[in-house]
């Protein structure tokens, strides 16, 4: 499987223990800068742009084995024998698949608001709405946001998605390949087949948002029998954005535990 050389942002001193942060679908390293800067006081933090996201190269294949291969290449190139991983949503699934397949390369695992299961929701309508945005008629982001209101009512989520809208030679375009996202979205919702895979018996922390329905203890125990499971109050799926102080406290406390 062809690995992609991922773009990344780096925070903290190289003498500190390495921590890699993996973002979710439609996100990028920039969404994690504030969290990374706080964690960089104690850790050497790398925030990756996953394939087809941010400024990383595009590739027609996007699934968890492929993205795990990218992560492995990144670690090898940067001579990181073992790391701790923090992954949110799609990035959490990459982190889990990495833990299940390369446990010897992992110190600690933190998964934010996602479980190792296949979900039933669908991105088709959302991606189709983005594809139908009349880019040649858009003069600014506000116009784009107003056009999307009917299809994506939640303002914070609209603004999040529109971070992928960039101005190039005077015309707005998408940084991400929406056709690839449309084709590959079922892989993102799913989790690879686990019939012949051994559970990860190492250290793991799963953080869920109180108002999110993405994660249940019974979905974790089979593959991650030694995992801790903590809930962050007054937070949904975007727990690191909605409750950053409590989120960072949970991450630091766990990483610094024995």
Protein backbone atom coordinates (compact mmCIF):
# COMPACT_ATOMS: atom_id res chain seq x y z
CA UNK A 1 0.00 0.00 0.00
CA UNK A 2 1.45 3.36 -1.07
CA UNK A 3 1.99 5.67 1.90
CA UNK A 4 1.61 9.45 1.69
CA UNK A 5 4.23 11.83 3.12
CA UNK A 6 2.08 13.86 5.48
CA UNK A 7 2.35 17.57 6.22
CA UNK A 8 2.50 18.47 9.90
CA UNK A 9 2.91 21.18 12.52
CA UNK A 10 5.33 20.76 15.40
CA UNK A 11 5.22 22.17 18.94
CA UNK A 12 7.40 21.83 22.03
CA UNK A 13 10.93 20.72 22.80
CA UNK A 14 12.40 17.67 21.08
CA UNK A 15 13.67 16.34 24.44
CA UNK A 16 10.10 15.80 25.62
CA UNK A 17 8.11 12.61 25.03
CA UNK A 18 6.52 12.57 21.55
CA UNK A 19 2.77 12.94 21.14
CA UNK A 20 1.07 12.76 17.73
CA UNK A 21 -2.38 14.31 17.23
CA UNK A 22 -4.68 13.00 14.48
CA UNK A 23 -7.66 15.14 13.42
CA UNK A 24 -11.10 14.18 12.17
CA UNK A 25 -12.86 14.15 8.79
CA UNK A 26 -12.82 17.57 7.06
CA UNK A 27 -10.46 18.97 9.73
CA UNK A 28 -6.71 19.69 9.64
CA UNK A 29 -3.77 20.38 11.91
CA UNK A 30 -4.81 24.04 12.23
CA UNK A 31 -7.92 22.99 14.19
CA UNK A 32 -5.67 21.59 16.93
CA UNK A 33 -3.15 24.42 17.31
CA UNK A 34 -4.50 25.77 20.59
CA UNK A 35 -4.63 22.33 22.19
CA UNK A 36 -1.19 21.45 20.83
CA UNK A 37 0.36 24.65 22.19
CA UNK A 38 -0.92 23.85 25.68
CA UNK A 39 0.25 20.22 25.53
CA UNK A 40 3.63 21.33 24.17
CA UNK A 41 4.63 22.60 27.61
CA UNK A 42 5.20 18.96 28.61
CA UNK A 43 5.33 17.05 25.33
CA UNK A 44 6.90 17.19 21.88
CA UNK A 45 3.73 17.49 19.83
CA UNK A 46 3.27 16.68 16.16
CA UNK A 47 -0.12 17.52 14.59
CA UNK A 48 -0.53 15.78 11.25
CA UNK A 49 -2.60 16.68 8.20
CA UNK A 50 -4.09 13.33 7.21
CA UNK A 51 -4.08 12.36 3.53
CA UNK A 52 -6.51 14.49 1.47
CA UNK A 53 -6.71 17.03 4.31
CA UNK A 54 -4.98 20.32 5.04
CA UNK A 55 -1.87 20.67 2.90
CA UNK A 56 -1.05 16.95 2.74
CA UNK A 57 -1.04 15.24 -0.67
CA UNK A 58 -4.27 13.93 -2.16
CA UNK A 59 -4.79 10.25 -2.87
CA UNK A 60 -7.77 8.44 -4.37
CA UNK A 61 -7.79 5.88 -1.53
CA UNK A 62 -8.79 6.93 1.96
CA UNK A 63 -9.41 4.21 4.52
CA UNK A 64 -7.99 3.30 7.91
CA UNK A 65 -5.32 0.82 6.78
CA UNK A 66 -4.03 3.40 4.27
CA UNK A 67 -4.00 6.25 6.80
CA UNK A 68 -2.27 3.98 9.33
CA UNK A 69 0.44 3.31 6.74
CA UNK A 70 0.90 7.08 6.43
CA UNK A 71 1.30 7.38 10.19
CA UNK A 72 3.85 4.57 10.26
CA UNK A 73 5.86 6.26 7.49
CA UNK A 74 5.78 9.56 9.39
CA UNK A 75 7.13 7.88 12.52
CA UNK A 76 9.88 6.10 10.60
CA UNK A 77 10.95 9.24 8.74
CA UNK A 78 11.11 11.21 11.99
CA UNK A 79 12.84 8.35 13.82
CA UNK A 80 10.07 7.98 16.37
CA UNK A 81 10.30 4.43 17.64
CA UNK A 82 7.36 4.79 20.02
CA UNK A 83 4.84 7.59 20.52
CA UNK A 84 1.62 8.39 22.31
CA UNK A 85 -1.35 9.00 20.03
CA UNK A 86 -4.31 11.35 20.46
CA UNK A 87 -6.97 10.95 17.80
CA UNK A 88 -10.39 12.57 17.41
CA UNK A 89 -13.22 11.01 15.39
CA UNK A 90 -11.65 9.80 12.10
CA UNK A 91 -8.23 10.37 13.67
CA UNK A 92 -9.30 8.28 16.65
CA UNK A 93 -10.10 5.38 14.33
CA UNK A 94 -6.67 5.71 12.73
CA UNK A 95 -5.11 5.68 16.20
CA UNK A 96 -7.10 2.58 17.21
CA UNK A 97 -6.22 0.70 14.03
CA UNK A 98 -2.56 1.61 14.56
CA UNK A 99 -2.72 0.33 18.15
CA UNK A 100 -4.28 -2.96 17.07
CA UNK A 101 -1.69 -3.53 14.34
CA UNK A 102 1.49 -1.95 15.76
CA UNK A 103 1.15 -2.13 19.56
CA UNK A 104 4.93 -2.24 19.98
CA UNK A 105 5.17 1.30 18.50
CA UNK A 106 2.73 2.82 20.97
CA UNK A 107 3.21 4.23 24.47
CA UNK A 108 -0.27 5.50 25.30
CA UNK A 109 -3.48 5.82 23.31
CA UNK A 110 -6.11 8.54 23.67
CA UNK A 111 -9.28 8.34 21.58
CA UNK A 112 -11.67 11.31 21.56
CA UNK A 113 -15.37 10.60 21.01
CA UNK A 114 -15.30 7.68 18.62
CA UNK A 115 -15.50 3.90 18.95
CA UNK A 116 -14.02 1.00 16.93
CA UNK A 117 -17.33 0.32 15.19
CA UNK A 118 -19.08 1.09 11.92
CA UNK A 119 -21.65 3.84 12.28
CA UNK A 120 -24.90 4.26 10.34
CA UNK A 121 -24.92 8.00 9.60
CA UNK A 122 -24.15 9.27 6.11
CA UNK A 123 -22.17 12.22 4.72
CA UNK A 124 -23.76 12.17 1.26
CA UNK A 125 -26.13 15.12 1.66
CA UNK A 126 -23.52 17.26 3.40
CA UNK A 127 -20.84 16.64 0.75
CA UNK A 128 -23.37 17.15 -2.05
CA UNK A 129 -24.32 20.54 -0.55
CA UNK A 130 -20.66 21.57 -0.55
CA UNK A 131 -20.25 20.37 -4.14
CA UNK A 132 -23.26 22.45 -5.23
CA UNK A 133 -21.92 25.67 -3.71
CA UNK A 134 -21.68 28.06 -6.72
CA UNK A 135 -17.99 28.89 -6.30
CA UNK A 136 -17.79 31.31 -9.24
CA UNK A 137 -20.58 33.42 -7.73
CA UNK A 138 -19.08 33.57 -4.23
CA UNK A 139 -17.26 36.79 -3.32
CA UNK A 140 -16.48 36.02 0.31
CA UNK A 141 -16.91 33.37 3.00
CA UNK A 142 -20.00 35.06 4.42
CA UNK A 143 -21.82 34.57 1.12
CA UNK A 144 -20.75 30.91 1.11
CA UNK A 145 -21.98 30.48 4.67
CA UNK A 146 -25.37 32.07 3.90
CA UNK A 147 -25.77 29.81 0.88
CA UNK A 148 -25.17 26.72 3.05
CA UNK A 149 -27.55 27.67 5.89
CA UNK A 150 -30.44 25.66 4.45
CA UNK A 151 -28.33 22.51 4.09
CA UNK A 152 -26.11 22.86 7.20
CA UNK A 153 -28.13 24.69 9.89
CA UNK A 154 -25.48 24.56 12.66
CA UNK A 155 -23.36 27.71 12.36
CA UNK A 156 -20.23 26.37 14.07
CA UNK A 157 -20.21 23.31 11.81
CA UNK A 158 -20.68 25.45 8.68
CA UNK A 159 -17.75 27.62 9.70
CA UNK A 160 -15.66 24.54 10.42
CA UNK A 161 -16.35 23.06 6.98
CA UNK A 162 -15.70 26.40 5.25
CA UNK A 163 -12.13 26.39 6.55
CA UNK A 164 -11.59 24.13 3.55
CA UNK A 165 -12.68 26.92 1.18
CA UNK A 166 -9.67 28.84 -0.11
CA UNK A 167 -9.12 31.74 -2.51
CA UNK A 168 -6.91 30.87 -5.48
CA UNK A 169 -6.19 33.37 -8.25
CA UNK A 170 -9.26 35.35 -7.28
CA UNK A 171 -11.66 32.40 -7.34
CA UNK A 172 -12.84 30.33 -4.39
CA UNK A 173 -12.14 26.60 -4.52
CA UNK A 174 -12.08 23.66 -2.16
CA UNK A 175 -8.77 22.63 -0.59
CA UNK A 176 -10.15 19.09 -0.29
CA UNK A 177 -11.26 16.89 -3.18
CA UNK A 178 -15.00 16.57 -2.56
CA UNK A 179 -15.39 13.81 -5.17
CA UNK A 180 -12.85 11.69 -3.29
CA UNK A 181 -14.53 12.52 0.02
CA UNK A 182 -17.90 11.46 -1.41
CA UNK A 183 -16.52 8.13 -2.65
CA UNK A 184 -14.48 7.43 0.49
CA UNK A 185 -16.96 8.61 3.15
CA UNK A 186 -18.33 5.06 3.67
CA UNK A 187 -14.78 3.99 4.65
CA UNK A 188 -14.62 6.82 7.20
CA UNK A 189 -17.95 5.84 8.78
CA UNK A 190 -16.88 2.19 8.91
CA UNK A 191 -14.16 0.38 10.86
CA UNK A 192 -12.01 -2.34 9.27
CA UNK A 193 -12.90 -6.01 9.73
CA UNK A 194 -11.49 -7.24 13.05
CA UNK A 195 -12.26 -10.99 12.97
CA UNK A 196 -8.64 -12.14 13.14
CA UNK A 197 -7.13 -9.26 15.10
CA UNK A 198 -6.00 -9.51 18.72
CA UNK A 199 -7.22 -6.96 21.28
CA UNK A 200 -4.94 -4.11 22.29
CA UNK A 201 -4.03 -4.78 25.91
CA UNK A 202 -1.92 -1.67 26.43
CA UNK A 203 -2.84 1.60 28.10
CA UNK A 204 -5.74 3.53 26.55
CA UNK A 205 -8.05 6.41 27.46
CA UNK A 206 -11.36 7.01 25.71
CA UNK A 207 -12.92 10.44 26.19
CA UNK A 208 -16.56 11.01 25.32
CA UNK A 209 -18.70 14.11 25.23
CA UNK A 210 -21.68 14.01 27.61
CA UNK A 211 -24.01 15.18 24.84
CA UNK A 212 -22.57 12.94 22.14
CA UNK A 213 -23.91 9.55 21.14
CA UNK A 214 -20.77 8.36 19.36
CA UNK A 215 -19.21 6.29 22.12
CA UNK A 216 -20.38 3.59 24.55
CA UNK A 217 -18.33 1.47 26.93
CA UNK A 218 -19.60 -1.79 25.46
CA UNK A 219 -18.29 -0.75 22.03
CA UNK A 220 -14.77 -0.38 23.45
CA UNK A 221 -14.24 -3.32 25.80
CA UNK A 222 -13.85 -6.11 23.27
CA UNK A 223 -10.87 -4.61 21.46
CA UNK A 224 -9.53 -2.40 24.28
CA UNK A 225 -10.12 -4.39 27.49
CA UNK A 226 -7.83 -2.25 29.67
CA UNK A 227 -9.16 1.12 28.52
CA UNK A 228 -10.28 3.89 30.82
CA UNK A 229 -13.49 5.66 29.80
CA UNK A 230 -14.19 9.22 30.97
CA UNK A 231 -17.02 11.58 30.06
CA UNK A 232 -16.52 15.34 29.67
CA UNK A 233 -19.56 17.27 30.86
CA UNK A 234 -21.33 19.88 28.74
CA UNK A 235 -19.60 18.72 25.56
CA UNK A 236 -20.68 16.99 22.38
CA UNK A 237 -18.62 15.40 19.63
CA UNK A 238 -16.31 18.45 19.45
CA UNK A 239 -15.30 18.05 23.10
CA UNK A 240 -11.80 19.52 22.59
CA UNK A 241 -13.37 22.73 21.22
CA UNK A 242 -16.35 22.95 23.57
CA UNK A 243 -14.46 22.14 26.78
CA UNK A 244 -10.76 22.68 25.98
CA UNK A 245 -9.61 23.18 29.59
CA UNK A 246 -11.16 19.96 30.86
CA UNK A 247 -10.09 18.09 27.73
CA UNK A 248 -6.44 19.15 28.10
CA UNK A 249 -6.50 18.33 31.83
CA UNK A 250 -7.74 14.80 31.06
CA UNK A 251 -5.08 14.28 28.39
CA UNK A 252 -2.21 15.60 30.50
CA UNK A 253 -3.26 13.68 33.60
CA UNK A 254 -3.46 10.42 31.67
CA UNK A 255 -0.19 10.88 29.77
CA UNK A 256 1.67 11.72 32.96
CA UNK A 257 0.23 8.79 34.93
CA UNK A 258 2.40 5.74 35.55
